[in-house]
């Protein structure tokens, strides 16, 4: 992925406008015409099972949703609402920062499809997903 500073700045603005993303500790590592890469700093609040210290699946799903959304957003110029989403969990995500990679698969006139992968700190795939997003004008326009 060859980084594009203006797309990275745009994606960063989209990510930072959400209090939920800020709570997650989400930030943009890179963005270009092919997609984007996000990172999420791991925190104790993510634990689902204290016995095995696994990250809650809802956290992983939220990261997949956001990554797909912002991959579409940098193509259309604004964040987009999710219409449908599928998530697959591949292995337990133990404590450690997470990396998410997203790209648009199809960009239509009213809908877009994007896919995302979440990797653990060692680069292993922990979850992946695909979502459908509604392309519409941003609120207030």
Protein backbone atom coordinates (compact mmCIF):
# COMPACT_ATOMS: atom_id res chain seq x y z
CA UNK A 1 0.00 0.00 0.00
CA UNK A 2 1.63 3.27 -1.09
CA UNK A 3 0.43 5.91 1.30
CA UNK A 4 -1.52 8.95 0.16
CA UNK A 5 -1.30 11.76 2.76
CA UNK A 6 -4.57 13.44 1.76
CA UNK A 7 -6.48 10.14 1.99
CA UNK A 8 -4.80 9.36 5.32
CA UNK A 9 -5.82 12.80 6.63
CA UNK A 10 -9.39 12.29 5.42
CA UNK A 11 -9.59 8.84 7.03
CA UNK A 12 -8.11 10.22 10.26
CA UNK A 13 -10.78 12.93 10.38
CA UNK A 14 -13.52 10.31 9.90
CA UNK A 15 -12.08 8.04 12.60
CA UNK A 16 -11.49 10.83 15.12
CA UNK A 17 -14.99 12.32 14.84
CA UNK A 18 -16.46 9.24 16.55
CA UNK A 19 -16.33 9.08 20.37
CA UNK A 20 -16.59 5.28 20.11
CA UNK A 21 -13.50 5.10 17.88
CA UNK A 22 -11.63 7.36 20.28
CA UNK A 23 -12.68 5.08 23.18
CA UNK A 24 -11.40 2.08 21.18
CA UNK A 25 -8.08 3.84 20.65
CA UNK A 26 -8.42 3.53 16.88
CA UNK A 27 -6.03 5.36 14.58
CA UNK A 28 -5.14 5.34 10.88
CA UNK A 29 -1.77 3.84 9.95
CA UNK A 30 -2.10 4.33 6.19
CA UNK A 31 -4.61 4.97 3.43
CA UNK A 32 -4.43 4.95 -0.33
CA UNK A 33 -6.57 4.22 -3.40
CA UNK A 34 -6.61 0.50 -2.54
CA UNK A 35 -7.89 0.84 1.04
CA UNK A 36 -6.66 1.60 4.51
CA UNK A 37 -4.97 0.16 7.57
CA UNK A 38 -6.16 0.97 11.09
CA UNK A 39 -4.71 0.10 14.46
CA UNK A 40 -6.44 -0.33 17.80
CA UNK A 41 -4.48 -0.16 21.04
CA UNK A 42 -5.49 -3.12 23.19
CA UNK A 43 -6.91 -2.43 26.64
CA UNK A 44 -8.28 -4.44 29.57
CA UNK A 45 -11.82 -3.25 28.80
CA UNK A 46 -11.79 -5.50 25.71
CA UNK A 47 -11.66 -8.73 27.73
CA UNK A 48 -14.61 -11.07 27.29
CA UNK A 49 -13.36 -14.07 29.25
CA UNK A 50 -11.14 -13.24 32.24
CA UNK A 51 -10.03 -16.88 32.45
CA UNK A 52 -8.40 -16.93 29.02
CA UNK A 53 -8.10 -13.13 28.56
CA UNK A 54 -9.78 -13.18 25.16
CA UNK A 55 -10.91 -10.06 23.33
CA UNK A 56 -14.71 -9.75 23.04
CA UNK A 57 -16.06 -10.60 19.59
CA UNK A 58 -18.08 -7.38 19.56
CA UNK A 59 -14.86 -5.38 19.66
CA UNK A 60 -13.56 -7.32 16.66
CA UNK A 61 -16.86 -6.86 14.80
CA UNK A 62 -16.81 -3.11 15.50
CA UNK A 63 -13.28 -2.87 14.12
CA UNK A 64 -14.30 -4.78 10.98
CA UNK A 65 -17.33 -2.52 10.51
CA UNK A 66 -15.32 0.68 10.96
CA UNK A 67 -12.52 -0.49 8.68
CA UNK A 68 -14.95 -1.32 5.88
CA UNK A 69 -16.85 1.93 6.41
CA UNK A 70 -13.73 4.09 6.18
CA UNK A 71 -12.44 2.18 3.15
CA UNK A 72 -15.69 3.21 1.41
CA UNK A 73 -15.64 6.70 2.95
CA UNK A 74 -12.28 7.61 1.45
CA UNK A 75 -13.70 6.73 -1.97
CA UNK A 76 -16.99 8.66 -1.61
CA UNK A 77 -15.83 11.51 0.65
CA UNK A 78 -17.92 10.80 3.76
CA UNK A 79 -18.67 7.99 6.24
CA UNK A 80 -21.49 5.64 5.26
CA UNK A 81 -24.05 3.62 7.23
CA UNK A 82 -23.83 -0.16 7.40
CA UNK A 83 -26.71 -2.09 5.84
CA UNK A 84 -25.53 -5.67 6.45
CA UNK A 85 -22.41 -7.32 7.81
CA UNK A 86 -20.91 -10.76 8.19
CA UNK A 87 -18.06 -11.54 10.58
CA UNK A 88 -15.95 -14.71 10.78
CA UNK A 89 -13.85 -15.40 13.88
CA UNK A 90 -10.71 -17.39 13.08
CA UNK A 91 -8.87 -17.59 16.41
CA UNK A 92 -8.91 -16.11 19.88
CA UNK A 93 -7.58 -12.56 20.04
CA UNK A 94 -5.43 -12.39 23.15
CA UNK A 95 -4.19 -9.13 24.70
CA UNK A 96 -2.20 -7.05 22.23
CA UNK A 97 -2.70 -4.27 19.74
CA UNK A 98 -4.84 -5.08 16.72
CA UNK A 99 -4.33 -4.13 13.08
CA UNK A 100 -7.20 -3.93 10.58
CA UNK A 101 -6.88 -3.86 6.81
CA UNK A 102 -9.84 -2.84 4.67
CA UNK A 103 -10.62 -2.48 1.00
CA UNK A 104 -13.63 -1.81 -1.19
CA UNK A 105 -14.72 -4.80 -3.26
CA UNK A 106 -17.52 -3.09 -5.18
CA UNK A 107 -18.56 0.55 -5.40
CA UNK A 108 -21.98 1.02 -6.96
CA UNK A 109 -24.24 4.04 -7.29
CA UNK A 110 -26.17 3.45 -4.07
CA UNK A 111 -24.35 0.60 -2.31
CA UNK A 112 -20.75 -0.44 -1.68
CA UNK A 113 -19.24 -3.68 -0.42
CA UNK A 114 -16.03 -3.73 1.59
CA UNK A 115 -14.01 -6.40 3.34
CA UNK A 116 -11.75 -6.18 6.37
CA UNK A 117 -9.28 -8.38 8.19
CA UNK A 118 -8.20 -8.02 11.82
CA UNK A 119 -4.73 -9.24 12.74
CA UNK A 120 -3.24 -9.69 16.20
CA UNK A 121 0.09 -8.25 17.35
CA UNK A 122 1.96 -11.19 15.81
CA UNK A 123 0.23 -10.74 12.44
CA UNK A 124 -2.13 -13.72 12.75
CA UNK A 125 -5.65 -13.38 11.35
CA UNK A 126 -8.16 -13.31 14.23
CA UNK A 127 -11.30 -12.15 12.41
CA UNK A 128 -12.49 -11.08 8.99
CA UNK A 129 -15.69 -9.77 7.53
CA UNK A 130 -17.57 -8.22 4.69
CA UNK A 131 -20.22 -5.53 4.84
CA UNK A 132 -22.65 -3.68 2.63
CA UNK A 133 -22.80 0.11 3.04
CA UNK A 134 -25.39 2.63 1.84
CA UNK A 135 -23.87 5.43 -0.19
CA UNK A 136 -25.77 8.62 0.47
CA UNK A 137 -25.07 12.31 0.93
CA UNK A 138 -23.80 13.17 4.41
CA UNK A 139 -26.35 14.43 6.96
CA UNK A 140 -27.22 18.11 6.54
CA UNK A 141 -26.39 18.29 2.84
